[in-house]
């Protein structure tokens, strides 16, 4: 076999290998998308089905959509109130998490001080704790402080995982900014706070925005602490959805309708900011 024939044969083998790799990656991607999207699809379709279609065997795939479950949820009124509570709590917790976490991340990224590694480990270790472990202590503290069934109780609890999330994501953003920028600003007479607010904060804004988005979504979807610390006035949307499970049965239609109302704003928001989300998560990964 000539050298030219061997070269052509090698190129064909390489092309076939690449084609097989792309095909395999496509199959895996489709399977993963199906696994993630099937529960969402089932929730939305159940919210739009009648009760008879919901329990039909075999499952009804083609049906006439109905909004009776959404009308029932709206008529009861508690779901709308819970959505407002979720918005208040998630927004306040996110704002405070960024307000506390961004300066903390800047200090950890830029300065060396005694106990820095221990402080860093303590902040990150808060992400390792299961919520069920600390649910009872938080309940007892909130009860003793008379904060049960208040927005403040949830906001303070959500800070315990919102701040570590912001610090964890923002530290690398500040580390990716050259120190020479800080030194140049200091030579020009800028104070530490001026260097932070006027130079580092704008440069690290993509990462801060991403951390704020993830903190908001986490607080918006949180169920465990909201279930333990609220009763009626401060009840959030996930808790309201769970309340459709009663001792007499499960109201699947209203529950799925409430779940759709909870998920839909987050999905729309994630689609709108997806480009900035990827940019912020990849900033600082390559130096």
Protein backbone atom coordinates (compact mmCIF):
# COMPACT_ATOMS: atom_id res chain seq x y z
CA UNK A 1 0.00 0.00 0.00
CA UNK A 2 1.35 3.39 -1.03
CA UNK A 3 1.99 6.22 1.37
CA UNK A 4 -0.90 8.22 -0.14
CA UNK A 5 -3.33 5.32 0.34
CA UNK A 6 -2.22 4.88 3.92
CA UNK A 7 -2.75 8.58 4.57
CA UNK A 8 -6.27 8.48 3.10
CA UNK A 9 -7.07 5.36 5.11
CA UNK A 10 -5.84 7.05 8.28
CA UNK A 11 -7.97 10.12 7.61
CA UNK A 12 -11.04 7.96 7.05
CA UNK A 13 -10.43 6.13 10.33
CA UNK A 14 -10.03 9.44 12.15
CA UNK A 15 -13.23 10.81 10.56
CA UNK A 16 -15.14 7.64 11.50
CA UNK A 17 -13.83 7.86 15.05
CA UNK A 18 -14.93 11.49 15.34
CA UNK A 19 -18.34 10.65 13.88
CA UNK A 20 -18.80 7.84 16.39
CA UNK A 21 -17.73 10.16 19.25
CA UNK A 22 -20.19 12.88 18.20
CA UNK A 23 -22.98 10.31 17.82
CA UNK A 24 -22.30 8.85 21.27
CA UNK A 25 -22.18 12.33 22.83
CA UNK A 26 -25.48 13.18 21.14
CA UNK A 27 -27.15 10.03 22.49
CA UNK A 28 -25.90 10.76 26.03
CA UNK A 29 -27.06 14.39 25.78
CA UNK A 30 -30.55 13.31 24.65
CA UNK A 31 -30.81 10.78 27.49
CA UNK A 32 -29.74 13.36 30.07
CA UNK A 33 -32.15 15.96 28.72
CA UNK A 34 -34.97 13.42 28.81
CA UNK A 35 -34.15 12.43 32.39
CA UNK A 36 -34.12 16.08 33.53
CA UNK A 37 -37.09 17.33 31.50
CA UNK A 38 -39.48 14.39 31.97
CA UNK A 39 -40.48 15.32 35.57
CA UNK A 40 -41.08 18.93 34.48
CA UNK A 41 -43.14 17.76 31.50
CA UNK A 42 -45.16 15.41 33.71
CA UNK A 43 -45.82 18.18 36.24
CA UNK A 44 -47.04 20.65 33.62
CA UNK A 45 -49.22 18.12 31.80
CA UNK A 46 -50.75 16.94 35.08
CA UNK A 47 -51.58 20.56 35.93
CA UNK A 48 -53.39 20.85 32.58
CA UNK A 49 -55.26 17.53 32.76
CA UNK A 50 -58.63 16.80 34.27
CA UNK A 51 -58.71 14.53 37.31
CA UNK A 52 -60.02 11.67 35.15
CA UNK A 53 -57.15 12.04 32.66
CA UNK A 54 -54.61 12.24 35.50
CA UNK A 55 -55.54 8.80 36.85
CA UNK A 56 -56.29 7.16 33.50
CA UNK A 57 -54.59 3.82 32.78
CA UNK A 58 -52.75 3.74 30.43
CA UNK A 59 -51.60 7.37 30.77
CA UNK A 60 -53.32 9.86 28.49
CA UNK A 61 -50.73 11.52 26.26
CA UNK A 62 -53.10 13.48 24.01
CA UNK A 63 -55.72 15.46 25.93
CA UNK A 64 -57.72 18.66 25.94
CA UNK A 65 -55.91 21.14 28.23
CA UNK A 66 -57.91 22.64 31.06
CA UNK A 67 -57.10 25.41 33.53
CA UNK A 68 -59.50 24.25 36.21
CA UNK A 69 -56.68 23.46 38.64
CA UNK A 70 -55.13 26.92 38.17
CA UNK A 71 -58.54 28.50 38.74
CA UNK A 72 -58.97 26.44 41.92
CA UNK A 73 -55.56 27.51 43.18
CA UNK A 74 -56.33 31.16 42.43
CA UNK A 75 -59.72 30.94 44.13
CA UNK A 76 -58.21 29.61 47.35
CA UNK A 77 -55.91 32.63 47.53
CA UNK A 78 -53.21 31.11 49.71
CA UNK A 79 -50.92 30.23 46.79
CA UNK A 80 -50.73 33.85 45.59
CA UNK A 81 -49.83 34.95 49.11
CA UNK A 82 -47.18 32.24 49.39
CA UNK A 83 -45.61 33.33 46.09
CA UNK A 84 -45.35 36.87 47.44
CA UNK A 85 -43.76 35.52 50.64
CA UNK A 86 -41.24 33.54 48.59
CA UNK A 87 -40.39 36.62 46.55
CA UNK A 88 -39.87 38.76 49.67
CA UNK A 89 -37.74 36.18 51.47
CA UNK A 90 -35.66 35.14 48.46
CA UNK A 91 -34.98 38.72 47.36
CA UNK A 92 -33.99 39.93 50.83
CA UNK A 93 -31.83 36.87 51.53
CA UNK A 94 -30.08 37.22 48.17
CA UNK A 95 -29.40 40.94 48.62
CA UNK A 96 -27.95 40.42 52.11
CA UNK A 97 -25.92 37.40 50.97
CA UNK A 98 -24.28 39.45 48.23
CA UNK A 99 -23.81 42.44 50.54
CA UNK A 100 -21.97 40.27 53.09
CA UNK A 101 -20.41 37.65 50.82
CA UNK A 102 -18.80 39.86 48.15
CA UNK A 103 -16.59 41.88 50.56
CA UNK A 104 -15.75 38.68 52.45
CA UNK A 105 -14.68 37.00 49.20
CA UNK A 106 -12.55 40.02 48.30
CA UNK A 107 -10.76 39.91 51.66
CA UNK A 108 -10.12 36.16 51.36
CA UNK A 109 -8.82 36.57 47.81
CA UNK A 110 -6.58 39.59 48.36
CA UNK A 111 -5.24 39.58 51.94
CA UNK A 112 -3.29 37.15 54.10
CA UNK A 113 -4.08 37.07 57.80
CA UNK A 114 -3.94 34.71 60.72
CA UNK A 115 -6.65 32.06 60.61
CA UNK A 116 -7.50 32.67 56.96
CA UNK A 117 -7.44 28.97 56.04
CA UNK A 118 -9.58 28.10 59.06
CA UNK A 119 -12.09 30.82 58.18
CA UNK A 120 -12.20 29.65 54.58
CA UNK A 121 -12.79 26.04 55.67
CA UNK A 122 -15.51 27.12 58.11
CA UNK A 123 -17.35 29.07 55.39
CA UNK A 124 -17.15 26.25 52.87
CA UNK A 125 -18.01 23.56 55.44
CA UNK A 126 -21.41 25.18 55.89
CA UNK A 127 -22.22 23.85 52.42
CA UNK A 128 -21.63 20.28 53.64
CA UNK A 129 -24.26 20.30 56.39
CA UNK A 130 -27.57 18.60 55.67
CA UNK A 131 -30.55 20.91 56.43
CA UNK A 132 -32.35 18.20 58.42
CA UNK A 133 -29.48 18.14 60.93
CA UNK A 134 -29.89 21.79 61.95
CA UNK A 135 -33.65 22.15 61.39
CA UNK A 136 -34.53 21.48 65.04
CA UNK A 137 -31.87 23.84 66.51
CA UNK A 138 -33.05 26.60 64.18
CA UNK A 139 -36.63 25.96 65.23
CA UNK A 140 -35.76 26.21 68.93
CA UNK A 141 -33.78 29.42 68.39
CA UNK A 142 -36.59 30.99 66.35
CA UNK A 143 -39.14 29.97 68.97
CA UNK A 144 -37.13 31.46 71.83
CA UNK A 145 -36.64 34.70 69.87
CA UNK A 146 -40.34 34.73 68.88
CA UNK A 147 -39.48 34.72 65.21
CA UNK A 148 -41.58 31.73 64.17
CA UNK A 149 -43.78 32.37 61.14
CA UNK A 150 -41.94 35.56 60.16
CA UNK A 151 -40.03 36.58 57.08
CA UNK A 152 -37.05 37.54 59.23
CA UNK A 153 -36.58 34.00 60.51
CA UNK A 154 -36.35 32.58 56.99
CA UNK A 155 -34.09 35.39 55.78
CA UNK A 156 -31.62 34.84 58.61
CA UNK A 157 -31.59 31.08 58.07
CA UNK A 158 -31.13 31.43 54.32
CA UNK A 159 -28.09 33.61 54.95
CA UNK A 160 -26.35 30.57 56.45
CA UNK A 161 -26.14 28.96 53.02
CA UNK A 162 -26.47 32.05 50.83
CA UNK A 163 -23.33 33.77 52.14
CA UNK A 164 -21.08 30.67 51.75
CA UNK A 165 -22.38 30.23 48.21
CA UNK A 166 -21.54 33.82 47.29
CA UNK A 167 -18.10 33.62 48.91
CA UNK A 168 -17.31 30.33 47.23
CA UNK A 169 -18.17 31.61 43.74
CA UNK A 170 -16.72 35.12 44.11
CA UNK A 171 -13.32 34.27 45.57
CA UNK A 172 -12.07 32.95 42.23
CA UNK A 173 -13.50 35.99 40.46
CA UNK A 174 -11.42 38.34 42.61
CA UNK A 175 -8.34 36.10 42.35
CA UNK A 176 -8.56 36.31 38.56
CA UNK A 177 -8.17 40.10 38.71
CA UNK A 178 -4.43 41.02 38.57
CA UNK A 179 -3.04 42.45 41.78
CA UNK A 180 -1.23 45.08 39.73
CA UNK A 181 -4.61 46.78 39.26
CA UNK A 182 -4.96 47.21 43.02
CA UNK A 183 -1.37 48.39 43.38
CA UNK A 184 -1.79 50.99 40.63
CA UNK A 185 -4.95 52.34 42.24
CA UNK A 186 -3.27 52.47 45.65
CA UNK A 187 -0.35 54.43 44.20
CA UNK A 188 -2.89 56.92 42.80
CA UNK A 189 -4.19 57.46 46.34
CA UNK A 190 -7.24 55.16 46.40
CA UNK A 191 -8.26 53.62 49.71
CA UNK A 192 -8.99 49.92 50.18
CA UNK A 193 -12.74 50.51 49.91
CA UNK A 194 -12.33 52.63 46.80
CA UNK A 195 -10.22 49.90 45.19
CA UNK A 196 -12.92 47.38 46.03
CA UNK A 197 -15.98 49.37 44.96
CA UNK A 198 -14.59 51.23 41.95
CA UNK A 199 -12.25 48.62 40.43
CA UNK A 200 -12.65 45.07 41.70
CA UNK A 201 -16.41 45.04 42.10
CA UNK A 202 -17.17 46.03 38.47
CA UNK A 203 -14.58 43.58 37.13
CA UNK A 204 -15.99 40.72 39.22
CA UNK A 205 -19.62 41.60 38.50
CA UNK A 206 -20.33 38.56 36.24
CA UNK A 207 -19.40 36.19 39.06
CA UNK A 208 -21.34 38.23 41.61
CA UNK A 209 -24.41 38.17 39.37
CA UNK A 210 -24.13 34.40 39.00
CA UNK A 211 -23.81 33.91 42.75
CA UNK A 212 -26.85 36.15 43.29
CA UNK A 213 -28.86 34.14 40.75
CA UNK A 214 -27.97 30.81 42.36
CA UNK A 215 -28.60 32.17 45.88
CA UNK A 216 -32.02 33.44 44.78
CA UNK A 217 -32.99 30.14 43.14
CA UNK A 218 -31.83 28.20 46.22
CA UNK A 219 -33.86 30.40 48.56
CA UNK A 220 -36.87 30.37 46.22
CA UNK A 221 -36.98 26.56 46.08
CA UNK A 222 -36.08 25.82 49.73
CA UNK A 223 -38.62 23.66 51.55
CA UNK A 224 -37.16 22.16 54.74
CA UNK A 225 -36.61 25.31 56.82
CA UNK A 226 -39.72 26.99 55.43
CA UNK A 227 -41.77 23.97 56.50
CA UNK A 228 -40.31 24.00 60.01
CA UNK A 229 -40.26 27.75 60.68
CA UNK A 230 -43.54 28.93 59.15
CA UNK A 231 -47.21 28.41 59.92
CA UNK A 232 -49.57 30.60 57.89
CA UNK A 233 -48.44 34.22 57.59
CA UNK A 234 -44.92 33.61 56.21
CA UNK A 235 -45.60 30.34 54.43
CA UNK A 236 -43.66 30.11 51.16
CA UNK A 237 -44.77 28.61 47.85
CA UNK A 238 -42.98 25.21 48.19
CA UNK A 239 -44.64 24.70 51.57
CA UNK A 240 -48.02 25.67 50.10
CA UNK A 241 -47.53 23.09 47.36
CA UNK A 242 -46.68 20.41 49.93
CA UNK A 243 -49.86 21.23 51.87
CA UNK A 244 -51.94 19.69 49.10
CA UNK A 245 -50.85 16.34 50.56
CA UNK A 246 -53.39 15.69 53.29
CA UNK A 247 -54.44 12.73 55.39
CA UNK A 248 -57.41 12.21 53.08
CA UNK A 249 -55.37 12.06 49.90
CA UNK A 250 -53.26 14.08 47.53
CA UNK A 251 -54.77 16.80 45.36
CA UNK A 252 -52.51 16.16 42.41
CA UNK A 253 -54.01 18.74 40.08
CA UNK A 254 -53.70 21.80 42.37
CA UNK A 255 -50.30 20.58 43.60
CA UNK A 256 -48.93 20.34 40.06
CA UNK A 257 -50.49 23.69 39.17
CA UNK A 258 -48.76 25.30 42.15
CA UNK A 259 -45.51 23.57 41.23
CA UNK A 260 -45.79 24.96 37.70
CA UNK A 261 -46.32 28.47 39.07
CA UNK A 262 -43.21 28.03 41.23
CA UNK A 263 -40.98 26.66 38.47
CA UNK A 264 -42.12 28.81 35.54
CA UNK A 265 -40.64 32.16 36.71
CA UNK A 266 -37.31 30.51 37.54
CA UNK A 267 -37.13 28.74 34.16
CA UNK A 268 -37.91 31.94 32.25
CA UNK A 269 -35.38 33.87 34.31
CA UNK A 270 -32.70 31.19 33.77
CA UNK A 271 -33.27 31.25 30.00
CA UNK A 272 -32.92 35.03 29.93
CA UNK A 273 -29.64 35.07 31.87
CA UNK A 274 -28.17 31.77 30.63
CA UNK A 275 -25.42 33.49 28.63
CA UNK A 276 -24.31 35.58 31.60
CA UNK A 277 -24.59 32.50 33.81
CA UNK A 278 -22.11 30.53 31.71
CA UNK A 279 -19.80 33.53 31.42
CA UNK A 280 -19.75 34.09 35.16
CA UNK A 281 -19.18 30.43 35.99
CA UNK A 282 -16.23 30.16 33.57
CA UNK A 283 -14.53 33.44 34.51
CA UNK A 284 -11.36 32.76 36.43
CA UNK A 285 -11.26 29.11 35.38
CA UNK A 286 -8.43 29.84 32.92
CA UNK A 287 -5.69 32.31 33.77
